[in-house]
Amino acid sequence: MYGAIIDSVCKDKLVTDALLLYSEMTVKKIIYPDIVTYSTIIYGLFIVGQMKEGVALLNEMSLKNISPNVLTFTTLVDGLCKEGEVKKATSVLPVMNYDKTRCGT
């Protein structure tokens, strides 16, 4: 339920609301954010121009041992390119390849 609502508010660019729901999830510890939740919020942050916050959330996700998936990496590369950070976007590619190898896919 949380995931669907977070996805909807992010698509409406109401990222503050998505972050409040995310906080509620983590504080109550009833349901834990998964890769889909993180990727959705990162996407929402990127579409409203909050790249630094999106990258910070990506780092937080990694600290919680949640590996980024194709959607997460695609969002990251797309957002960086749209901000004119093509060099940074290119630097993500080896990380994607490493993650793919580590996961055995």
PDB file of N, CA and C in Angstrom:
ATOM      1  N   MET A   1       0.828  -1.197   0.000  1.00  0.00           N
ATOM      2  CA  MET A   1       0.000   0.000   0.000  1.00  0.00           C
ATOM      3  C   MET A   1       0.868   1.254   0.000  1.00  0.00           C
ATOM      4  N   TYR A   2       1.879   1.268   0.906  1.00  0.00           N
ATOM      5  CA  TYR A   2       2.769   2.420   0.964  1.00  0.00           C
ATOM      6  C   TYR A   2       3.438   2.652  -0.387  1.00  0.00           C
ATOM      7  N   GLY A   3       3.899   1.571  -0.995  1.00  0.00           N
ATOM      8  CA  GLY A   3       4.602   1.685  -2.270  1.00  0.00           C
ATOM      9  C   GLY A   3       3.749   2.325  -3.347  1.00  0.00           C
ATOM     10  N   ALA A   4       2.498   1.926  -3.438  1.00  0.00           N
ATOM     11  CA  ALA A   4       1.594   2.472  -4.448  1.00  0.00           C
ATOM     12  C   ALA A   4       1.330   3.960  -4.211  1.00  0.00           C
ATOM     13  N   ILE A   5       1.160   4.326  -2.970  1.00  0.00           N
ATOM     14  CA  ILE A   5       0.910   5.738  -2.642  1.00  0.00           C
ATOM     15  C   ILE A   5       2.156   6.571  -2.908  1.00  0.00           C
ATOM     16  N   ILE A   6       3.314   6.056  -2.511  1.00  0.00           N
ATOM     17  CA  ILE A   6       4.570   6.776  -2.747  1.00  0.00           C
ATOM     18  C   ILE A   6       4.788   6.964  -4.242  1.00  0.00           C
ATOM     19  N   ASP A   7       4.528   5.923  -5.031  1.00  0.00           N
ATOM     20  CA  ASP A   7       4.667   6.023  -6.485  1.00  0.00           C
ATOM     21  C   ASP A   7       3.749   7.110  -7.040  1.00  0.00           C
ATOM     22  N   SER A   8       2.530   7.132  -6.582  1.00  0.00           N
ATOM     23  CA  SER A   8       1.550   8.098  -7.072  1.00  0.00           C
ATOM     24  C   SER A   8       1.941   9.535  -6.728  1.00  0.00           C
ATOM     25  N   VAL A   9       2.340   9.773  -5.492  1.00  0.00           N
ATOM     26  CA  VAL A   9       2.685  11.154  -5.110  1.00  0.00           C
ATOM     27  C   VAL A   9       3.980  11.605  -5.772  1.00  0.00           C
ATOM     28  N   CYS A  10       4.905  10.682  -6.007  1.00  0.00           N
ATOM     29  CA  CYS A  10       6.135  11.055  -6.719  1.00  0.00           C
ATOM     30  C   CYS A  10       5.820  11.450  -8.159  1.00  0.00           C
ATOM     31  N   LYS A  11       4.940  10.707  -8.804  1.00  0.00           N
ATOM     32  CA  LYS A  11       4.559  11.034 -10.181  1.00  0.00           C
ATOM     33  C   LYS A  11       3.862  12.387 -10.260  1.00  0.00           C
ATOM     34  N   ASP A  12       3.211  12.786  -9.172  1.00  0.00           N
ATOM     35  CA  ASP A  12       2.567  14.103  -9.112  1.00  0.00           C
ATOM     36  C   ASP A  12       3.525  15.180  -8.601  1.00  0.00           C
ATOM     37  N   LYS A  13       4.795  14.803  -8.459  1.00  0.00           N
ATOM     38  CA  LYS A  13       5.861  15.707  -7.998  1.00  0.00           C
ATOM     39  C   LYS A  13       5.647  16.206  -6.568  1.00  0.00           C
ATOM     40  N   LEU A  14       4.970  15.409  -5.764  1.00  0.00           N
ATOM     41  CA  LEU A  14       4.739  15.730  -4.359  1.00  0.00           C
ATOM     42  C   LEU A  14       5.732  14.929  -3.507  1.00  0.00           C
ATOM     43  N   VAL A  15       7.000  15.165  -3.788  1.00  0.00           N
ATOM     44  CA  VAL A  15       8.061  14.363  -3.184  1.00  0.00           C
ATOM     45  C   VAL A  15       8.125  14.546  -1.674  1.00  0.00           C
ATOM     46  N   THR A  16       7.780  15.719  -1.185  1.00  0.00           N
ATOM     47  CA  THR A  16       7.762  15.945   0.263  1.00  0.00           C
ATOM     48  C   THR A  16       6.803  14.974   0.926  1.00  0.00           C
ATOM     49  N   ASP A  17       5.650  14.761   0.311  1.00  0.00           N
ATOM     50  CA  ASP A  17       4.678  13.795   0.848  1.00  0.00           C
ATOM     51  C   ASP A  17       5.236  12.374   0.806  1.00  0.00           C
ATOM     52  N   ALA A  18       5.942  12.049  -0.276  1.00  0.00           N
ATOM     53  CA  ALA A  18       6.547  10.725  -0.392  1.00  0.00           C
ATOM     54  C   ALA A  18       7.586  10.516   0.705  1.00  0.00           C
ATOM     55  N   LEU A  19       8.373  11.541   0.980  1.00  0.00           N
ATOM     56  CA  LEU A  19       9.395  11.444   2.021  1.00  0.00           C
ATOM     57  C   LEU A  19       8.764  11.315   3.411  1.00  0.00           C
ATOM     58  N   LEU A  20       7.626  11.956   3.617  1.00  0.00           N
ATOM     59  CA  LEU A  20       6.919  11.807   4.885  1.00  0.00           C
ATOM     60  C   LEU A  20       6.427  10.369   5.071  1.00  0.00           C
ATOM     61  N   LEU A  21       5.892   9.783   4.011  1.00  0.00           N
ATOM     62  CA  LEU A  21       5.448   8.394   4.081  1.00  0.00           C
ATOM     63  C   LEU A  21       6.636   7.457   4.312  1.00  0.00           C
ATOM     64  N   TYR A  22       7.744   7.746   3.636  1.00  0.00           N
ATOM     65  CA  TYR A  22       8.965   6.959   3.824  1.00  0.00           C
ATOM     66  C   TYR A  22       9.416   7.031   5.284  1.00  0.00           C
ATOM     67  N   SER A  23       9.404   8.232   5.851  1.00  0.00           N
ATOM     68  CA  SER A  23       9.783   8.406   7.256  1.00  0.00           C
ATOM     69  C   SER A  23       8.852   7.627   8.172  1.00  0.00           C
ATOM     70  N   GLU A  24       7.569   7.676   7.875  1.00  0.00           N
ATOM     71  CA  GLU A  24       6.587   6.940   8.668  1.00  0.00           C
ATOM     72  C   GLU A  24       6.878   5.438   8.628  1.00  0.00           C
ATOM     73  N   MET A  25       7.227   4.950   7.438  1.00  0.00           N
ATOM     74  CA  MET A  25       7.555   3.531   7.302  1.00  0.00           C
ATOM     75  C   MET A  25       8.751   3.158   8.169  1.00  0.00           C
ATOM     76  N   THR A  26       9.779   3.980   8.127  1.00  0.00           N
ATOM     77  CA  THR A  26      11.006   3.644   8.852  1.00  0.00           C
ATOM     78  C   THR A  26      10.863   3.830  10.351  1.00  0.00           C
ATOM     79  N   VAL A  27      10.075   4.816  10.775  1.00  0.00           N
ATOM     80  CA  VAL A  27       9.884   5.052  12.208  1.00  0.00           C
ATOM     81  C   VAL A  27       9.022   3.961  12.825  1.00  0.00           C
ATOM     82  N   LYS A  28       7.931   3.624  12.170  1.00  0.00           N
ATOM     83  CA  LYS A  28       7.014   2.617  12.722  1.00  0.00           C
ATOM     84  C   LYS A  28       7.573   1.203  12.620  1.00  0.00           C
ATOM     85  N   LYS A  29       8.477   0.981  11.689  1.00  0.00           N
ATOM     86  CA  LYS A  29       9.107  -0.323  11.469  1.00  0.00           C
ATOM     87  C   LYS A  29       8.085  -1.445  11.277  1.00  0.00           C
ATOM     88  N   ILE A  30       6.954  -1.088  10.722  1.00  0.00           N
ATOM     89  CA  ILE A  30       5.929  -2.087  10.423  1.00  0.00           C
ATOM     90  C   ILE A  30       6.237  -2.718   9.064  1.00  0.00           C
ATOM     91  N   ILE A  31       6.631  -1.872   8.152  1.00  0.00           N
ATOM     92  CA  ILE A  31       6.996  -2.326   6.816  1.00  0.00           C
ATOM     93  C   ILE A  31       8.282  -1.603   6.439  1.00  0.00           C
ATOM     94  N   TYR A  32       9.209  -2.335   5.881  1.00  0.00           N
ATOM     95  CA  TYR A  32      10.506  -1.754   5.547  1.00  0.00           C
ATOM     96  C   TYR A  32      10.552  -1.376   4.075  1.00  0.00           C
ATOM     97  N   PRO A  33      11.121  -0.218   3.776  1.00  0.00           N
ATOM     98  CA  PRO A  33      11.249   0.184   2.372  1.00  0.00           C
ATOM     99  C   PRO A  33      12.097  -0.838   1.613  1.00  0.00           C
ATOM    100  N   ASP A  34      11.679  -1.153   0.397  1.00  0.00           N
ATOM    101  CA  ASP A  34      12.434  -2.077  -0.430  1.00  0.00           C
ATOM    102  C   ASP A  34      13.026  -1.330  -1.620  1.00  0.00           C
ATOM    103  N   ILE A  35      13.614  -2.055  -2.529  1.00  0.00           N
ATOM    104  CA  ILE A  35      14.272  -1.440  -3.684  1.00  0.00           C
ATOM    105  C   ILE A  35      13.286  -0.625  -4.517  1.00  0.00           C
ATOM    106  N   VAL A  36      12.066  -1.076  -4.626  1.00  0.00           N
ATOM    107  CA  VAL A  36      11.056  -0.348  -5.404  1.00  0.00           C
ATOM    108  C   VAL A  36      10.737   0.987  -4.726  1.00  0.00           C
ATOM    109  N   THR A  37      10.568   0.967  -3.425  1.00  0.00           N
ATOM    110  CA  THR A  37      10.288   2.199  -2.679  1.00  0.00           C
ATOM    111  C   THR A  37      11.432   3.190  -2.843  1.00  0.00           C
ATOM    112  N   TYR A  38      12.657   2.723  -2.645  1.00  0.00           N
ATOM    113  CA  TYR A  38      13.815   3.609  -2.782  1.00  0.00           C
ATOM    114  C   TYR A  38      13.926   4.159  -4.203  1.00  0.00           C
ATOM    115  N   SER A  39      13.797   3.291  -5.185  1.00  0.00           N
ATOM    116  CA  SER A  39      13.929   3.735  -6.582  1.00  0.00           C
ATOM    117  C   SER A  39      12.856   4.753  -6.939  1.00  0.00           C
ATOM    118  N   THR A  40      11.656   4.532  -6.443  1.00  0.00           N
ATOM    119  CA  THR A  40      10.547   5.454  -6.718  1.00  0.00           C
ATOM    120  C   THR A  40      10.821   6.833  -6.121  1.00  0.00           C
ATOM    121  N   ILE A  41      11.285   6.868  -4.894  1.00  0.00           N
ATOM    122  CA  ILE A  41      11.563   8.161  -4.249  1.00  0.00           C
ATOM    123  C   ILE A  41      12.764   8.844  -4.911  1.00  0.00           C
ATOM    124  N   ILE A  42      13.779   8.072  -5.257  1.00  0.00           N
ATOM    125  CA  ILE A  42      14.935   8.651  -5.958  1.00  0.00           C
ATOM    126  C   ILE A  42      14.477   9.264  -7.268  1.00  0.00           C
ATOM    127  N   TYR A  43      13.630   8.558  -7.998  1.00  0.00           N
ATOM    128  CA  TYR A  43      13.067   9.100  -9.243  1.00  0.00           C
ATOM    129  C   TYR A  43      12.321  10.405  -8.964  1.00  0.00           C
ATOM    130  N   GLY A  44      11.488  10.403  -7.938  1.00  0.00           N
ATOM    131  CA  GLY A  44      10.730  11.608  -7.586  1.00  0.00           C
ATOM    132  C   GLY A  44      11.642  12.771  -7.255  1.00  0.00           C
ATOM    133  N   LEU A  45      12.685  12.514  -6.503  1.00  0.00           N
ATOM    134  CA  LEU A  45      13.639  13.577  -6.158  1.00  0.00           C
ATOM    135  C   LEU A  45      14.322  14.120  -7.401  1.00  0.00           C
ATOM    136  N   PHE A  46      14.682  13.241  -8.321  1.00  0.00           N
ATOM    137  CA  PHE A  46      15.362  13.676  -9.536  1.00  0.00           C
ATOM    138  C   PHE A  46      14.445  14.529 -10.417  1.00  0.00           C
ATOM    139  N   ILE A  47      13.159  14.154 -10.517  1.00  0.00           N
ATOM    140  CA  ILE A  47      12.279  14.920 -11.414  1.00  0.00           C
ATOM    141  C   ILE A  47      11.950  16.309 -10.867  1.00  0.00           C
ATOM    142  N   VAL A  48      12.145  16.501  -9.566  1.00  0.00           N
ATOM    143  CA  VAL A  48      11.930  17.850  -9.024  1.00  0.00           C
ATOM    144  C   VAL A  48      13.255  18.590  -8.833  1.00  0.00           C
ATOM    145  N   GLY A  49      14.336  18.008  -9.376  1.00  0.00           N
ATOM    146  CA  GLY A  49      15.629  18.693  -9.364  1.00  0.00           C
ATOM    147  C   GLY A  49      16.422  18.574  -8.080  1.00  0.00           C
ATOM    148  N   GLN A  50      16.070  17.618  -7.246  1.00  0.00           N
ATOM    149  CA  GLN A  50      16.792  17.426  -5.983  1.00  0.00           C
ATOM    150  C   GLN A  50      17.763  16.249  -6.106  1.00  0.00           C
ATOM    151  N   MET A  51      18.746  16.444  -7.009  1.00  0.00           N
ATOM    152  CA  MET A  51      19.712  15.392  -7.314  1.00  0.00           C
ATOM    153  C   MET A  51      20.518  14.970  -6.078  1.00  0.00           C
ATOM    154  N   LYS A  52      20.994  15.943  -5.321  1.00  0.00           N
ATOM    155  CA  LYS A  52      21.827  15.619  -4.152  1.00  0.00           C
ATOM    156  C   LYS A  52      21.057  14.761  -3.157  1.00  0.00           C
ATOM    157  N   GLU A  53      19.791  15.087  -2.949  1.00  0.00           N
ATOM    158  CA  GLU A  53      18.969  14.325  -2.024  1.00  0.00           C
ATOM    159  C   GLU A  53      18.739  12.903  -2.552  1.00  0.00           C
ATOM    160  N   GLY A  54      18.577  12.795  -3.867  1.00  0.00           N
ATOM    161  CA  GLY A  54      18.403  11.481  -4.484  1.00  0.00           C
ATOM    162  C   GLY A  54      19.635  10.612  -4.334  1.00  0.00           C
ATOM    163  N   VAL A  55      20.798  11.204  -4.542  1.00  0.00           N
ATOM    164  CA  VAL A  55      22.054  10.473  -4.379  1.00  0.00           C
ATOM    165  C   VAL A  55      22.249  10.090  -2.911  1.00  0.00           C
ATOM    166  N   ALA A  56      21.882  10.990  -1.999  1.00  0.00           N
ATOM    167  CA  ALA A  56      21.985  10.682  -0.561  1.00  0.00           C
ATOM    168  C   ALA A  56      21.093   9.490  -0.206  1.00  0.00           C
ATOM    169  N   LEU A  57      19.903   9.451  -0.782  1.00  0.00           N
ATOM    170  CA  LEU A  57      19.004   8.326  -0.526  1.00  0.00           C
ATOM    171  C   LEU A  57      19.576   7.034  -1.117  1.00  0.00           C
ATOM    172  N   LEU A  58      20.206   7.148  -2.265  1.00  0.00           N
ATOM    173  CA  LEU A  58      20.872   5.991  -2.868  1.00  0.00           C
ATOM    174  C   LEU A  58      21.963   5.470  -1.938  1.00  0.00           C
ATOM    175  N   ASN A  59      22.733   6.373  -1.362  1.00  0.00           N
ATOM    176  CA  ASN A  59      23.776   5.973  -0.414  1.00  0.00           C
ATOM    177  C   ASN A  59      23.174   5.328   0.832  1.00  0.00           C
ATOM    178  N   GLU A  60      22.079   5.889   1.329  1.00  0.00           N
ATOM    179  CA  GLU A  60      21.394   5.324   2.498  1.00  0.00           C
ATOM    180  C   GLU A  60      20.910   3.911   2.204  1.00  0.00           C
ATOM    181  N   MET A  61      20.379   3.746   1.013  1.00  0.00           N
ATOM    182  CA  MET A  61      19.895   2.444   0.583  1.00  0.00           C
ATOM    183  C   MET A  61      21.044   1.422   0.597  1.00  0.00           C
ATOM    184  N   SER A  62      22.190   1.824   0.089  1.00  0.00           N
ATOM    185  CA  SER A  62      23.347   0.936   0.063  1.00  0.00           C
ATOM    186  C   SER A  62      23.812   0.586   1.469  1.00  0.00           C
ATOM    187  N   LEU A  63      23.752   1.558   2.382  1.00  0.00           N
ATOM    188  CA  LEU A  63      24.141   1.301   3.773  1.00  0.00           C
ATOM    189  C   LEU A  63      23.230   0.273   4.437  1.00  0.00           C
ATOM    190  N   LYS A  64      22.008   0.174   3.931  1.00  0.00           N
ATOM    191  CA  LYS A  64      21.056  -0.795   4.478  1.00  0.00           C
ATOM    192  C   LYS A  64      21.107  -2.127   3.714  1.00  0.00           C
ATOM    193  N   ASN A  65      22.179  -2.287   2.927  1.00  0.00           N
ATOM    194  CA  ASN A  65      22.403  -3.512   2.154  1.00  0.00           C
ATOM    195  C   ASN A  65      21.298  -3.817   1.149  1.00  0.00           C
ATOM    196  N   ILE A  66      20.737  -2.759   0.573  1.00  0.00           N
ATOM    197  CA  ILE A  66      19.752  -2.927  -0.489  1.00  0.00           C
ATOM    198  C   ILE A  66      20.451  -2.528  -1.782  1.00  0.00           C
ATOM    199  N   SER A  67      20.649  -3.502  -2.661  1.00  0.00           N
ATOM    200  CA  SER A  67      21.377  -3.249  -3.908  1.00  0.00           C
ATOM    201  C   SER A  67      20.491  -2.571  -4.937  1.00  0.00           C
ATOM    202  N   PRO A  68      21.033  -1.568  -5.609  1.00  0.00           N
ATOM    203  CA  PRO A  68      20.274  -0.907  -6.674  1.00  0.00           C
ATOM    204  C   PRO A  68      19.952  -1.897  -7.790  1.00  0.00           C
ATOM    205  N   ASN A  69      18.828  -1.679  -8.449  1.00  0.00           N
ATOM    206  CA  ASN A  69      18.472  -2.520  -9.585  1.00  0.00           C
ATOM    207  C   ASN A  69      18.562  -1.701 -10.875  1.00  0.00           C
ATOM    208  N   VAL A  70      18.114  -2.272 -11.964  1.00  0.00           N
ATOM    209  CA  VAL A  70      18.198  -1.599 -13.261  1.00  0.00           C
ATOM    210  C   VAL A  70      17.434  -0.278 -13.230  1.00  0.00           C
ATOM    211  N   LEU A  71      16.261  -0.258 -12.626  1.00  0.00           N
ATOM    212  CA  LEU A  71      15.468   0.968 -12.534  1.00  0.00           C
ATOM    213  C   LEU A  71      16.221   2.053 -11.768  1.00  0.00           C
ATOM    214  N   THR A  72      16.858   1.677 -10.676  1.00  0.00           N
ATOM    215  CA  THR A  72      17.610   2.635  -9.869  1.00  0.00           C
ATOM    216  C   THR A  72      18.743   3.237 -10.686  1.00  0.00           C
ATOM    217  N   PHE A  73      19.507   2.384 -11.352  1.00  0.00           N
ATOM    218  CA  PHE A  73      20.630   2.870 -12.161  1.00  0.00           C
ATOM    219  C   PHE A  73      20.154   3.702 -13.348  1.00  0.00           C
ATOM    220  N   THR A  74      19.078   3.282 -13.987  1.00  0.00           N
ATOM    221  CA  THR A  74      18.532   4.035 -15.114  1.00  0.00           C
ATOM    222  C   THR A  74      18.102   5.424 -14.670  1.00  0.00           C
ATOM    223  N   THR A  75      17.450   5.502 -13.529  1.00  0.00           N
ATOM    224  CA  THR A  75      17.023   6.783 -12.968  1.00  0.00           C
ATOM    225  C   THR A  75      18.225   7.672 -12.693  1.00  0.00           C
ATOM    226  N   LEU A  76      19.260   7.087 -12.112  1.00  0.00           N
ATOM    227  CA  LEU A  76      20.467   7.829 -11.781  1.00  0.00           C
ATOM    228  C   LEU A  76      21.150   8.364 -13.038  1.00  0.00           C
ATOM    229  N   VAL A  77      21.355   7.515 -14.029  1.00  0.00           N
ATOM    230  CA  VAL A  77      22.024   7.931 -15.269  1.00  0.00           C
ATOM    231  C   VAL A  77      21.190   8.976 -15.997  1.00  0.00           C
ATOM    232  N   ASP A  78      19.888   8.763 -16.084  1.00  0.00           N
ATOM    233  CA  ASP A  78      19.000   9.710 -16.756  1.00  0.00           C
ATOM    234  C   ASP A  78      19.028  11.077 -16.075  1.00  0.00           C
ATOM    235  N   GLY A  79      18.925  11.076 -14.756  1.00  0.00           N
ATOM    236  CA  GLY A  79      18.935  12.331 -14.003  1.00  0.00           C
ATOM    237  C   GLY A  79      20.245  13.081 -14.162  1.00  0.00           C
ATOM    238  N   LEU A  80      21.352  12.373 -14.090  1.00  0.00           N
ATOM    239  CA  LEU A  80      22.662  13.017 -14.249  1.00  0.00           C
ATOM    240  C   LEU A  80      22.816  13.606 -15.648  1.00  0.00           C
ATOM    241  N   CYS A  81      22.396  12.866 -16.657  1.00  0.00           N
ATOM    242  CA  CYS A  81      22.489  13.374 -18.035  1.00  0.00           C
ATOM    243  C   CYS A  81      21.628  14.619 -18.231  1.00  0.00           C
ATOM    244  N   LYS A  82      20.438  14.614 -17.679  1.00  0.00           N
ATOM    245  CA  LYS A  82      19.552  15.773 -17.811  1.00  0.00           C
ATOM    246  C   LYS A  82      20.110  17.002 -17.117  1.00  0.00           C
ATOM    247  N   GLU A  83      20.958  16.794 -16.109  1.00  0.00           N
ATOM    248  CA  GLU A  83      21.597  17.902 -15.402  1.00  0.00           C
ATOM    249  C   GLU A  83      22.924  18.295 -16.050  1.00  0.00           C
ATOM    250  N   GLY A  84      23.247  17.667 -17.191  1.00  0.00           N
ATOM    251  CA  GLY A  84      24.487  17.972 -17.887  1.00  0.00           C
ATOM    252  C   GLY A  84      25.710  17.319 -17.281  1.00  0.00           C
ATOM    253  N   GLU A  85      25.488  16.345 -16.414  1.00  0.00           N
ATOM    254  CA  GLU A  85      26.575  15.644 -15.715  1.00  0.00           C
ATOM    255  C   GLU A  85      26.880  14.317 -16.411  1.00  0.00           C
ATOM    256  N   VAL A  86      27.187  14.407 -17.709  1.00  0.00           N
ATOM    257  CA  VAL A  86      27.404  13.204 -18.508  1.00  0.00           C
ATOM    258  C   VAL A  86      28.615  12.411 -18.009  1.00  0.00           C
ATOM    259  N   LYS A  87      29.647  13.120 -17.600  1.00  0.00           N
ATOM    260  CA  LYS A  87      30.843  12.443 -17.089  1.00  0.00           C
ATOM    261  C   LYS A  87      30.502  11.609 -15.853  1.00  0.00           C
ATOM    262  N   LYS A  88      29.714  12.186 -14.947  1.00  0.00           N
ATOM    263  CA  LYS A  88      29.291  11.448 -13.747  1.00  0.00           C
ATOM    264  C   LYS A  88      28.400  10.265 -14.136  1.00  0.00           C
ATOM    265  N   ALA A  89      27.523  10.490 -15.111  1.00  0.00           N
ATOM    266  CA  ALA A  89      26.641   9.407 -15.562  1.00  0.00           C
ATOM    267  C   ALA A  89      27.467   8.257 -16.125  1.00  0.00           C
ATOM    268  N   THR A  90      28.497   8.583 -16.877  1.00  0.00           N
ATOM    269  CA  THR A  90      29.373   7.565 -17.441  1.00  0.00           C
ATOM    270  C   THR A  90      30.102   6.794 -16.352  1.00  0.00           C
ATOM    271  N   SER A  91      30.425   7.481 -15.260  1.00  0.00           N
ATOM    272  CA  SER A  91      31.141   6.818 -14.165  1.00  0.00           C
ATOM    273  C   SER A  91      30.260   5.806 -13.431  1.00  0.00           C
ATOM    274  N   VAL A  92      28.959   5.877 -13.638  1.00  0.00           N
ATOM    275  CA  VAL A  92      28.039   4.934 -13.000  1.00  0.00           C
ATOM    276  C   VAL A  92      28.079   3.571 -13.708  1.00  0.00           C
ATOM    277  N   LEU A  93      28.415   3.570 -14.984  1.00  0.00           N
ATOM    278  CA  LEU A  93      28.377   2.331 -15.765  1.00  0.00           C
ATOM    279  C   LEU A  93      29.235   1.211 -15.182  1.00  0.00           C
ATOM    280  N   PRO A  94      30.501   1.470 -14.778  1.00  0.00           N
ATOM    281  CA  PRO A  94      31.274   0.378 -14.168  1.00  0.00           C
ATOM    282  C   PRO A  94      30.646  -0.139 -12.861  1.00  0.00           C
ATOM    283  N   VAL A  95      30.002   0.749 -12.121  1.00  0.00           N
ATOM    284  CA  VAL A  95      29.342   0.328 -10.880  1.00  0.00           C
ATOM    285  C   VAL A  95      28.183  -0.604 -11.220  1.00  0.00           C
ATOM    286  N   MET A  96      27.453  -0.268 -12.279  1.00  0.00           N
ATOM    287  CA  MET A  96      26.352  -1.122 -12.719  1.00  0.00           C
ATOM    288  C   MET A  96      26.882  -2.501 -13.096  1.00  0.00           C
ATOM    289  N   ASN A  97      27.972  -2.527 -13.816  1.00  0.00           N
ATOM    290  CA  ASN A  97      28.561  -3.783 -14.251  1.00  0.00           C
ATOM    291  C   ASN A  97      29.037  -4.603 -13.059  1.00  0.00           C
ATOM    292  N   TYR A  98      29.652  -3.946 -12.074  1.00  0.00           N
ATOM    293  CA  TYR A  98      30.113  -4.629 -10.872  1.00  0.00           C
ATOM    294  C   TYR A  98      28.929  -5.226 -10.119  1.00  0.00           C
ATOM    295  N   ASP A  99      27.865  -4.451  -9.987  1.00  0.00           N
ATOM    296  CA  ASP A  99      26.697  -4.918  -9.250  1.00  0.00           C
ATOM    297  C   ASP A  99      26.081  -6.123  -9.960  1.00  0.00           C
ATOM    298  N   LYS A 100      26.052  -6.087 -11.278  1.00  0.00           N
ATOM    299  CA  LYS A 100      25.510  -7.194 -12.060  1.00  0.00           C
ATOM    300  C   LYS A 100      26.336  -8.455 -11.815  1.00  0.00           C
ATOM    301  N   THR A 101      27.652  -8.320 -11.787  1.00  0.00           N
ATOM    302  CA  THR A 101      28.533  -9.455 -11.559  1.00  0.00           C
ATOM    303  C   THR A 101      28.358  -9.998 -10.142  1.00  0.00           C
ATOM    304  N   ARG A 102      28.250  -9.108  -9.178  1.00  0.00           N
ATOM    305  CA  ARG A 102      28.116  -9.512  -7.778  1.00  0.00           C
ATOM    306  C   ARG A 102      26.816 -10.272  -7.548  1.00  0.00           C
ATOM    307  N   CYS A 103      25.779  -9.889  -8.258  1.00  0.00           N
ATOM    308  CA  CYS A 103      24.485 -10.544  -8.072  1.00  0.00           C
ATOM    309  C   CYS A 103      24.394 -11.851  -8.843  1.00  0.00           C
ATOM    310  N   GLY A 104      25.387 -12.110  -9.702  1.00  0.00           N
ATOM    311  CA  GLY A 104      25.402 -13.348 -10.449  1.00  0.00           C
ATOM    312  C   GLY A 104      24.448 -13.383 -11.620  1.00  0.00           C
ATOM    313  N   THR A 105      24.114 -12.184 -12.139  1.00  0.00           N
ATOM    314  CA  THR A 105      23.199 -12.160 -13.313  1.00  0.00           C
ATOM    315  C   THR A 105      23.948 -11.830 -14.557  1.00  0.00           C
TER     316      THR A 105
END
